[in-house]
Amino acid sequence: MLLGALVLGASLLHAALGQPAARAHSEASQELVRELRLTGLALFTEARYTRHPAHTDRFAPFQNHPTALEHFPSGSLMRPPAHLHDPAHLHD
C-alpha cells in the first residue's frame, strides 16, 4: 500500500514538474504550424485521399479505374469527409 502511494506521488510530481517544458514545446509547435501554414493532419502515408482527408475529391479512390476496389488498408479504416457523403452537401 505504501509503495503504491509512493509511486502515485512520484508520478504526480513528475507530471507537475514536466508541465512547463511540455507547454513550451506545445507553443513552439503551434508557432511552427503558423509559420509554415500547415493545414491538415496527415493520418496515413498510403494514398493521397487518406493522407489529407480534407483535400479529397469524390473520385480519388477510383483514379486507376472507375470500378477499382480499394487496395489501401487505410481506406477502409476511415470514412469519407462529410462533404463527400452528406446528401445536404452534394448539391453545393
N, C-alpha and C. Protein backbone atom coordinates (compact mmCIF):
# COMPACT_ATOMS: atom_id res chain seq x y z
N MET A 1 0.82 -1.19 0.00
CA MET A 1 0.00 0.00 0.00
C MET A 1 0.87 1.26 0.00
N LEU A 2 1.90 1.23 0.84
CA LEU A 2 2.80 2.37 0.92
C LEU A 2 3.56 2.55 -0.39
N LEU A 3 3.95 1.44 -0.99
CA LEU A 3 4.67 1.51 -2.26
C LEU A 3 3.78 2.10 -3.35
N GLY A 4 2.52 1.72 -3.37
CA GLY A 4 1.58 2.28 -4.34
C GLY A 4 1.40 3.77 -4.16
N ALA A 5 1.33 4.22 -2.91
CA ALA A 5 1.18 5.65 -2.63
C ALA A 5 2.44 6.41 -3.06
N LEU A 6 3.61 5.82 -2.84
CA LEU A 6 4.85 6.46 -3.26
C LEU A 6 4.95 6.56 -4.79
N VAL A 7 4.55 5.50 -5.47
CA VAL A 7 4.58 5.52 -6.93
C VAL A 7 3.60 6.55 -7.47
N LEU A 8 2.41 6.61 -6.88
CA LEU A 8 1.42 7.60 -7.31
C LEU A 8 1.94 9.01 -7.06
N GLY A 9 2.50 9.25 -5.90
CA GLY A 9 3.05 10.57 -5.59
C GLY A 9 4.19 10.94 -6.53
N ALA A 10 5.05 9.99 -6.83
CA ALA A 10 6.17 10.26 -7.74
C ALA A 10 5.67 10.57 -9.14
N SER A 11 4.65 9.85 -9.59
CA SER A 11 4.13 10.12 -10.94
C SER A 11 3.44 11.48 -11.00
N LEU A 12 2.74 11.87 -9.95
CA LEU A 12 2.11 13.19 -9.93
C LEU A 12 3.16 14.30 -9.89
N LEU A 13 4.21 14.09 -9.12
CA LEU A 13 5.30 15.06 -9.06
C LEU A 13 6.00 15.18 -10.41
N HIS A 14 6.23 14.06 -11.05
CA HIS A 14 6.87 14.07 -12.38
C HIS A 14 6.01 14.82 -13.39
N ALA A 15 4.71 14.60 -13.34
CA ALA A 15 3.81 15.30 -14.27
C ALA A 15 3.80 16.80 -14.00
N ALA A 16 3.81 17.18 -12.73
CA ALA A 16 3.79 18.60 -12.39
C ALA A 16 5.08 19.29 -12.79
N LEU A 17 6.20 18.61 -12.64
CA LEU A 17 7.49 19.21 -13.00
C LEU A 17 7.68 19.28 -14.51
N GLY A 18 7.04 18.40 -15.25
CA GLY A 18 7.20 18.38 -16.70
C GLY A 18 6.26 19.30 -17.44
N GLN A 19 5.30 19.90 -16.74
CA GLN A 19 4.32 20.75 -17.40
C GLN A 19 4.91 21.98 -18.09
N PRO A 20 5.81 22.73 -17.48
CA PRO A 20 6.35 23.90 -18.18
C PRO A 20 7.09 23.53 -19.47
N ALA A 21 7.83 22.45 -19.45
CA ALA A 21 8.55 22.02 -20.65
C ALA A 21 7.57 21.60 -21.74
N ALA A 22 6.52 20.89 -21.34
CA ALA A 22 5.51 20.46 -22.32
C ALA A 22 4.78 21.67 -22.90
N ARG A 23 4.50 22.65 -22.08
CA ARG A 23 3.81 23.86 -22.56
C ARG A 23 4.71 24.61 -23.54
N ALA A 24 5.99 24.71 -23.24
CA ALA A 24 6.92 25.40 -24.14
C ALA A 24 7.02 24.66 -25.47
N HIS A 25 7.06 23.34 -25.42
CA HIS A 25 7.12 22.54 -26.65
C HIS A 25 5.85 22.73 -27.47
N SER A 26 4.70 22.76 -26.80
CA SER A 26 3.43 22.95 -27.50
C SER A 26 3.36 24.32 -28.16
N GLU A 27 3.81 25.34 -27.47
CA GLU A 27 3.81 26.69 -28.04
C GLU A 27 4.76 26.78 -29.23
N ALA A 28 5.91 26.12 -29.14
CA ALA A 28 6.85 26.11 -30.26
C ALA A 28 6.25 25.38 -31.46
N SER A 29 5.54 24.30 -31.21
CA SER A 29 4.90 23.56 -32.30
C SER A 29 3.80 24.40 -32.95
N GLN A 30 3.03 25.10 -32.15
CA GLN A 30 1.98 25.95 -32.70
C GLN A 30 2.57 27.08 -33.54
N GLU A 31 3.68 27.63 -33.10
CA GLU A 31 4.34 28.69 -33.87
C GLU A 31 4.85 28.14 -35.20
N LEU A 32 5.39 26.94 -35.19
CA LEU A 32 5.87 26.32 -36.42
C LEU A 32 4.71 26.07 -37.39
N VAL A 33 3.58 25.63 -36.89
CA VAL A 33 2.40 25.41 -37.73
C VAL A 33 1.94 26.72 -38.35
N ARG A 34 1.91 27.78 -37.56
CA ARG A 34 1.52 29.09 -38.10
C ARG A 34 2.52 29.59 -39.14
N GLU A 35 3.80 29.43 -38.85
CA GLU A 35 4.84 29.93 -39.75
C GLU A 35 4.85 29.19 -41.08
N LEU A 36 4.68 27.87 -41.04
CA LEU A 36 4.70 27.08 -42.27
C LEU A 36 3.34 26.97 -42.94
N ARG A 37 2.31 27.52 -42.28
CA ARG A 37 0.94 27.49 -42.80
C ARG A 37 0.48 26.07 -43.10
N LEU A 38 0.72 25.18 -42.14
CA LEU A 38 0.29 23.80 -42.29
C LEU A 38 -1.21 23.72 -42.13
N THR A 39 -1.84 22.85 -42.89
CA THR A 39 -3.30 22.79 -42.86
C THR A 39 -3.82 21.57 -42.13
N GLY A 40 -3.81 20.43 -42.76
CA GLY A 40 -4.45 19.26 -42.19
C GLY A 40 -3.45 18.28 -41.59
N LEU A 41 -3.99 17.39 -40.83
CA LEU A 41 -3.21 16.35 -40.20
C LEU A 41 -3.08 15.18 -41.16
N ALA A 42 -1.88 14.70 -41.40
CA ALA A 42 -1.67 13.53 -42.25
C ALA A 42 -1.87 12.28 -41.39
N LEU A 43 -2.94 11.56 -41.66
CA LEU A 43 -3.29 10.40 -40.84
C LEU A 43 -2.60 9.13 -41.30
N PHE A 44 -2.48 8.94 -42.59
CA PHE A 44 -1.89 7.73 -43.14
C PHE A 44 -0.86 8.13 -44.20
N THR A 45 -0.02 7.20 -44.59
CA THR A 45 1.03 7.51 -45.56
C THR A 45 0.79 6.87 -46.91
N GLU A 46 -0.34 6.23 -47.10
CA GLU A 46 -0.53 5.45 -48.32
C GLU A 46 -0.98 6.28 -49.51
N ALA A 47 -2.24 6.54 -49.59
CA ALA A 47 -2.81 7.23 -50.74
C ALA A 47 -3.09 8.69 -50.39
N ARG A 48 -3.13 9.53 -51.41
CA ARG A 48 -3.32 10.96 -51.14
C ARG A 48 -4.68 11.25 -50.52
N TYR A 49 -5.69 10.44 -50.81
CA TYR A 49 -7.01 10.70 -50.24
C TYR A 49 -7.12 10.21 -48.81
N THR A 50 -6.15 9.43 -48.32
CA THR A 50 -6.14 9.08 -46.90
C THR A 50 -5.12 9.91 -46.13
N ARG A 51 -4.15 10.48 -46.82
CA ARG A 51 -3.18 11.35 -46.13
C ARG A 51 -3.83 12.64 -45.68
N HIS A 52 -4.59 13.25 -46.54
CA HIS A 52 -5.23 14.53 -46.23
C HIS A 52 -6.71 14.45 -46.57
N PRO A 53 -7.53 13.94 -45.64
CA PRO A 53 -8.95 13.73 -45.94
C PRO A 53 -9.70 15.02 -46.30
N ALA A 54 -9.26 16.15 -45.81
CA ALA A 54 -9.96 17.40 -46.12
C ALA A 54 -9.75 17.82 -47.57
N HIS A 55 -8.76 17.26 -48.23
CA HIS A 55 -8.43 17.66 -49.60
C HIS A 55 -8.83 16.62 -50.63
N THR A 56 -9.71 15.71 -50.28
CA THR A 56 -10.07 14.66 -51.22
C THR A 56 -11.19 15.10 -52.14
N ASP A 57 -11.28 14.43 -53.25
CA ASP A 57 -12.41 14.64 -54.14
C ASP A 57 -13.17 13.33 -54.26
N ARG A 58 -14.29 13.36 -54.90
CA ARG A 58 -15.18 12.20 -54.96
C ARG A 58 -14.57 11.01 -55.69
N PHE A 59 -13.69 11.23 -56.64
CA PHE A 59 -13.20 10.15 -57.49
C PHE A 59 -11.76 9.74 -57.19
N ALA A 60 -11.16 10.29 -56.16
CA ALA A 60 -9.76 9.97 -55.85
C ALA A 60 -9.52 8.49 -55.59
N PRO A 61 -10.39 7.76 -54.86
CA PRO A 61 -10.11 6.34 -54.66
C PRO A 61 -10.19 5.52 -55.94
N PHE A 62 -10.86 6.04 -56.95
CA PHE A 62 -11.07 5.28 -58.19
C PHE A 62 -10.24 5.85 -59.33
N GLN A 63 -9.11 6.46 -59.02
CA GLN A 63 -8.34 7.12 -60.06
C GLN A 63 -7.72 6.15 -61.06
N ASN A 64 -7.50 4.91 -60.68
CA ASN A 64 -6.93 3.94 -61.61
C ASN A 64 -7.99 3.37 -62.55
N HIS A 65 -9.18 3.15 -62.04
CA HIS A 65 -10.26 2.59 -62.84
C HIS A 65 -11.57 2.86 -62.10
N PRO A 66 -12.64 3.20 -62.80
CA PRO A 66 -13.89 3.55 -62.12
C PRO A 66 -14.46 2.44 -61.23
N THR A 67 -14.21 1.19 -61.57
CA THR A 67 -14.74 0.10 -60.74
C THR A 67 -13.65 -0.57 -59.91
N ALA A 68 -12.53 0.10 -59.75
CA ALA A 68 -11.43 -0.47 -58.97
C ALA A 68 -11.82 -0.58 -57.50
N LEU A 69 -11.40 -1.66 -56.89
CA LEU A 69 -11.65 -1.85 -55.47
C LEU A 69 -10.59 -1.13 -54.65
N GLU A 70 -10.92 -0.84 -53.42
CA GLU A 70 -9.97 -0.19 -52.51
C GLU A 70 -8.79 -1.12 -52.26
N HIS A 71 -7.60 -0.68 -52.55
CA HIS A 71 -6.44 -1.55 -52.33
C HIS A 71 -5.51 -1.04 -51.24
N PHE A 72 -5.88 0.05 -50.58
CA PHE A 72 -5.12 0.53 -49.43
C PHE A 72 -5.89 0.20 -48.16
N PRO A 73 -5.26 -0.43 -47.19
CA PRO A 73 -5.98 -0.77 -45.95
C PRO A 73 -6.54 0.46 -45.23
N SER A 74 -5.85 1.57 -45.30
CA SER A 74 -6.32 2.75 -44.57
C SER A 74 -7.62 3.30 -45.14
N GLY A 75 -7.90 3.02 -46.40
CA GLY A 75 -9.16 3.48 -46.99
C GLY A 75 -10.37 2.83 -46.36
N SER A 76 -10.20 1.67 -45.77
CA SER A 76 -11.31 1.01 -45.11
C SER A 76 -11.40 1.37 -43.63
N LEU A 77 -10.44 2.10 -43.12
CA LEU A 77 -10.44 2.47 -41.70
C LEU A 77 -11.07 3.82 -41.43
N MET A 78 -11.23 4.64 -42.45
CA MET A 78 -11.77 5.97 -42.22
C MET A 78 -12.92 6.25 -43.17
N ARG A 79 -13.84 7.07 -42.70
CA ARG A 79 -14.98 7.46 -43.53
C ARG A 79 -14.57 8.58 -44.47
N PRO A 80 -15.26 8.72 -45.57
CA PRO A 80 -15.00 9.89 -46.42
C PRO A 80 -15.40 11.17 -45.69
N PRO A 81 -14.83 12.29 -46.06
CA PRO A 81 -15.22 13.56 -45.43
C PRO A 81 -16.72 13.83 -45.64
N ALA A 82 -17.29 14.61 -44.76
CA ALA A 82 -18.73 14.89 -44.80
C ALA A 82 -19.16 15.51 -46.11
N HIS A 83 -18.30 16.33 -46.70
CA HIS A 83 -18.71 16.99 -47.95
C HIS A 83 -18.81 16.00 -49.11
N LEU A 84 -18.35 14.77 -48.93
CA LEU A 84 -18.45 13.78 -50.00
C LEU A 84 -19.60 12.80 -49.81
N HIS A 85 -20.06 12.60 -48.59
CA HIS A 85 -21.13 11.61 -48.40
C HIS A 85 -22.40 12.18 -47.79
N ASP A 86 -22.41 13.42 -47.38
CA ASP A 86 -23.60 14.02 -46.79
C ASP A 86 -24.50 14.54 -47.92
N PRO A 87 -25.74 14.05 -48.01
CA PRO A 87 -26.63 14.49 -49.10
C PRO A 87 -26.88 15.99 -49.12
N ALA A 88 -26.81 16.64 -47.98
CA ALA A 88 -27.03 18.09 -47.95
C ALA A 88 -25.92 18.84 -48.66
N HIS A 89 -24.72 18.26 -48.70
CA HIS A 89 -23.59 18.93 -49.33
C HIS A 89 -23.39 18.52 -50.79
N LEU A 90 -24.12 17.53 -51.26
CA LEU A 90 -23.89 17.03 -52.61
C LEU A 90 -24.25 18.03 -53.70
N HIS A 91 -25.16 18.92 -53.43
CA HIS A 91 -25.62 19.86 -54.45
C HIS A 91 -24.98 21.23 -54.32
N ASP A 92 -23.96 21.35 -53.48
CA ASP A 92 -23.29 22.65 -53.31
C ASP A 92 -22.37 22.94 -54.47
